[in-house]
Amino acid sequence: MNTIKQRLLTDWHPMRIIRLVFGVWALVQAFQVHDTIIGVFGVFFLYQAITNTGCCGVSQSCNTSVAPNVDNKGYIEYEEIK
């Protein structure tokens, strides 16, 4: 229970706020226009905002690694191209 509360109340960045606003707006429009597709998009963006996930999910598998290829002595290994 503590992790759900922590996930909801922390890490609010501009993209998460934009997803929340767009999701609420889409759901309001879906109810006013009686359009199911807009409602599905609204639920999708609200889910992303509430759970703090992106298109890649919680695993953040779209990110690239920042650390370079370093051997055990701390030197970066380069390959010479001829």
C-alpha atoms as a PDB file:
ATOM      1  CA  MET A   1       0.000   0.000   0.000  1.00  0.00           C
ATOM      2  CA  ASN A   2       2.837   2.344   0.776  1.00  0.00           C
ATOM      3  CA  THR A   3       4.382   1.939  -2.689  1.00  0.00           C
ATOM      4  CA  ILE A   4       1.113   2.777  -4.468  1.00  0.00           C
ATOM      5  CA  LYS A   5       0.734   5.951  -2.412  1.00  0.00           C
ATOM      6  CA  GLN A   6       4.388   6.808  -3.011  1.00  0.00           C
ATOM      7  CA  ARG A   7       4.043   6.239  -6.769  1.00  0.00           C
ATOM      8  CA  LEU A   8       0.972   8.484  -6.947  1.00  0.00           C
ATOM      9  CA  LEU A   9       2.413  11.352  -4.935  1.00  0.00           C
ATOM     10  CA  THR A  10       6.034  11.524  -6.164  1.00  0.00           C
ATOM     11  CA  ASP A  11       7.890  12.160  -9.441  1.00  0.00           C
ATOM     12  CA  TRP A  12       5.434  14.645 -10.935  1.00  0.00           C
ATOM     13  CA  HIS A  13       7.242  16.102 -13.956  1.00  0.00           C
ATOM     14  CA  PRO A  14       5.815  18.217 -16.819  1.00  0.00           C
ATOM     15  CA  MET A  15       5.175  15.251 -19.137  1.00  0.00           C
ATOM     16  CA  ARG A  16       3.206  13.432 -16.463  1.00  0.00           C
ATOM     17  CA  ILE A  17       1.084  16.534 -15.834  1.00  0.00           C
ATOM     18  CA  ILE A  18       0.461  16.918 -19.585  1.00  0.00           C
ATOM     19  CA  ARG A  19      -0.701  13.280 -19.777  1.00  0.00           C
ATOM     20  CA  LEU A  20      -3.046  13.857 -16.835  1.00  0.00           C
ATOM     21  CA  VAL A  21      -4.548  17.022 -18.335  1.00  0.00           C
ATOM     22  CA  PHE A  22      -4.913  15.451 -21.780  1.00  0.00           C
ATOM     23  CA  GLY A  23      -6.495  12.299 -20.317  1.00  0.00           C
ATOM     24  CA  VAL A  24      -9.059  14.270 -18.322  1.00  0.00           C
ATOM     25  CA  TRP A  25      -9.811  16.492 -21.309  1.00  0.00           C
ATOM     26  CA  ALA A  26     -10.244  13.470 -23.610  1.00  0.00           C
ATOM     27  CA  LEU A  27     -12.594  11.752 -21.169  1.00  0.00           C
ATOM     28  CA  VAL A  28     -14.732  14.885 -20.801  1.00  0.00           C
ATOM     29  CA  GLN A  29     -14.908  15.187 -24.587  1.00  0.00           C
ATOM     30  CA  ALA A  30     -15.782  11.499 -24.916  1.00  0.00           C
ATOM     31  CA  PHE A  31     -18.751  11.911 -22.568  1.00  0.00           C
ATOM     32  CA  GLN A  32     -19.930  15.104 -24.269  1.00  0.00           C
ATOM     33  CA  VAL A  33     -19.651  13.756 -27.814  1.00  0.00           C
ATOM     34  CA  HIS A  34     -20.501  10.118 -26.940  1.00  0.00           C
ATOM     35  CA  ASP A  35     -17.367   8.866 -28.674  1.00  0.00           C
ATOM     36  CA  THR A  36     -15.787   5.615 -27.501  1.00  0.00           C
ATOM     37  CA  ILE A  37     -12.439   6.012 -29.282  1.00  0.00           C
ATOM     38  CA  ILE A  38     -11.695   9.339 -27.593  1.00  0.00           C
ATOM     39  CA  GLY A  39     -12.663   7.716 -24.294  1.00  0.00           C
ATOM     40  CA  VAL A  40     -10.168   4.901 -24.862  1.00  0.00           C
ATOM     41  CA  PHE A  41      -7.406   7.432 -25.520  1.00  0.00           C
ATOM     42  CA  GLY A  42      -8.446   9.336 -22.408  1.00  0.00           C
ATOM     43  CA  VAL A  43      -8.265   6.210 -20.254  1.00  0.00           C
ATOM     44  CA  PHE A  44      -4.884   5.340 -21.805  1.00  0.00           C
ATOM     45  CA  PHE A  45      -3.377   8.740 -20.976  1.00  0.00           C
ATOM     46  CA  LEU A  46      -4.900   8.760 -17.483  1.00  0.00           C
ATOM     47  CA  TYR A  47      -3.392   5.329 -16.843  1.00  0.00           C
ATOM     48  CA  GLN A  48       0.012   6.596 -17.965  1.00  0.00           C
ATOM     49  CA  ALA A  49      -0.252   9.660 -15.737  1.00  0.00           C
ATOM     50  CA  ILE A  50      -1.448   7.809 -12.653  1.00  0.00           C
ATOM     51  CA  THR A  51       1.066   4.956 -12.870  1.00  0.00           C
ATOM     52  CA  ASN A  52       3.922   7.182 -14.162  1.00  0.00           C
ATOM     53  CA  THR A  53       4.575   4.969 -17.168  1.00  0.00           C
ATOM     54  CA  GLY A  54       5.389   5.886 -20.729  1.00  0.00           C
ATOM     55  CA  CYS A  55       4.916   4.006 -23.950  1.00  0.00           C
ATOM     56  CA  CYS A  56       7.642   1.555 -22.911  1.00  0.00           C
ATOM     57  CA  GLY A  57       6.044   0.730 -19.589  1.00  0.00           C
ATOM     58  CA  VAL A  58       7.589   0.643 -16.149  1.00  0.00           C
ATOM     59  CA  SER A  59      10.768  -1.085 -17.315  1.00  0.00           C
ATOM     60  CA  GLN A  60      11.861   2.004 -19.296  1.00  0.00           C
ATOM     61  CA  SER A  61      13.293  -0.319 -21.943  1.00  0.00           C
ATOM     62  CA  CYS A  62      13.547   2.522 -24.458  1.00  0.00           C
ATOM     63  CA  ASN A  63      16.416   4.105 -22.535  1.00  0.00           C
ATOM     64  CA  THR A  64      19.988   3.502 -23.611  1.00  0.00           C
ATOM     65  CA  SER A  65      22.759   2.751 -21.185  1.00  0.00           C
ATOM     66  CA  VAL A  66      24.900   5.719 -20.181  1.00  0.00           C
ATOM     67  CA  ALA A  67      27.925   3.830 -18.891  1.00  0.00           C
ATOM     68  CA  PRO A  68      30.679   3.208 -21.479  1.00  0.00           C
ATOM     69  CA  ASN A  69      32.304  -0.178 -22.005  1.00  0.00           C
ATOM     70  CA  VAL A  70      35.015  -0.140 -19.319  1.00  0.00           C
ATOM     71  CA  ASP A  71      37.376  -2.980 -18.407  1.00  0.00           C
ATOM     72  CA  ASN A  72      38.296  -3.885 -14.829  1.00  0.00           C
ATOM     73  CA  LYS A  73      41.191  -1.338 -14.702  1.00  0.00           C
ATOM     74  CA  GLY A  74      38.906   1.596 -15.459  1.00  0.00           C
ATOM     75  CA  TYR A  75      40.110   2.140 -19.029  1.00  0.00           C
ATOM     76  CA  ILE A  76      37.771   2.505 -21.940  1.00  0.00           C
ATOM     77  CA  GLU A  77      38.371  -0.160 -24.581  1.00  0.00           C
ATOM     78  CA  TYR A  78      38.638   1.097 -28.172  1.00  0.00           C
ATOM     79  CA  GLU A  79      38.760  -0.945 -31.335  1.00  0.00           C
ATOM     80  CA  GLU A  80      41.004   0.266 -34.147  1.00  0.00           C
ATOM     81  CA  ILE A  81      39.349   0.323 -37.545  1.00  0.00           C
ATOM     82  CA  LYS A  82      41.680  -0.089 -40.560  1.00  0.00           C
END
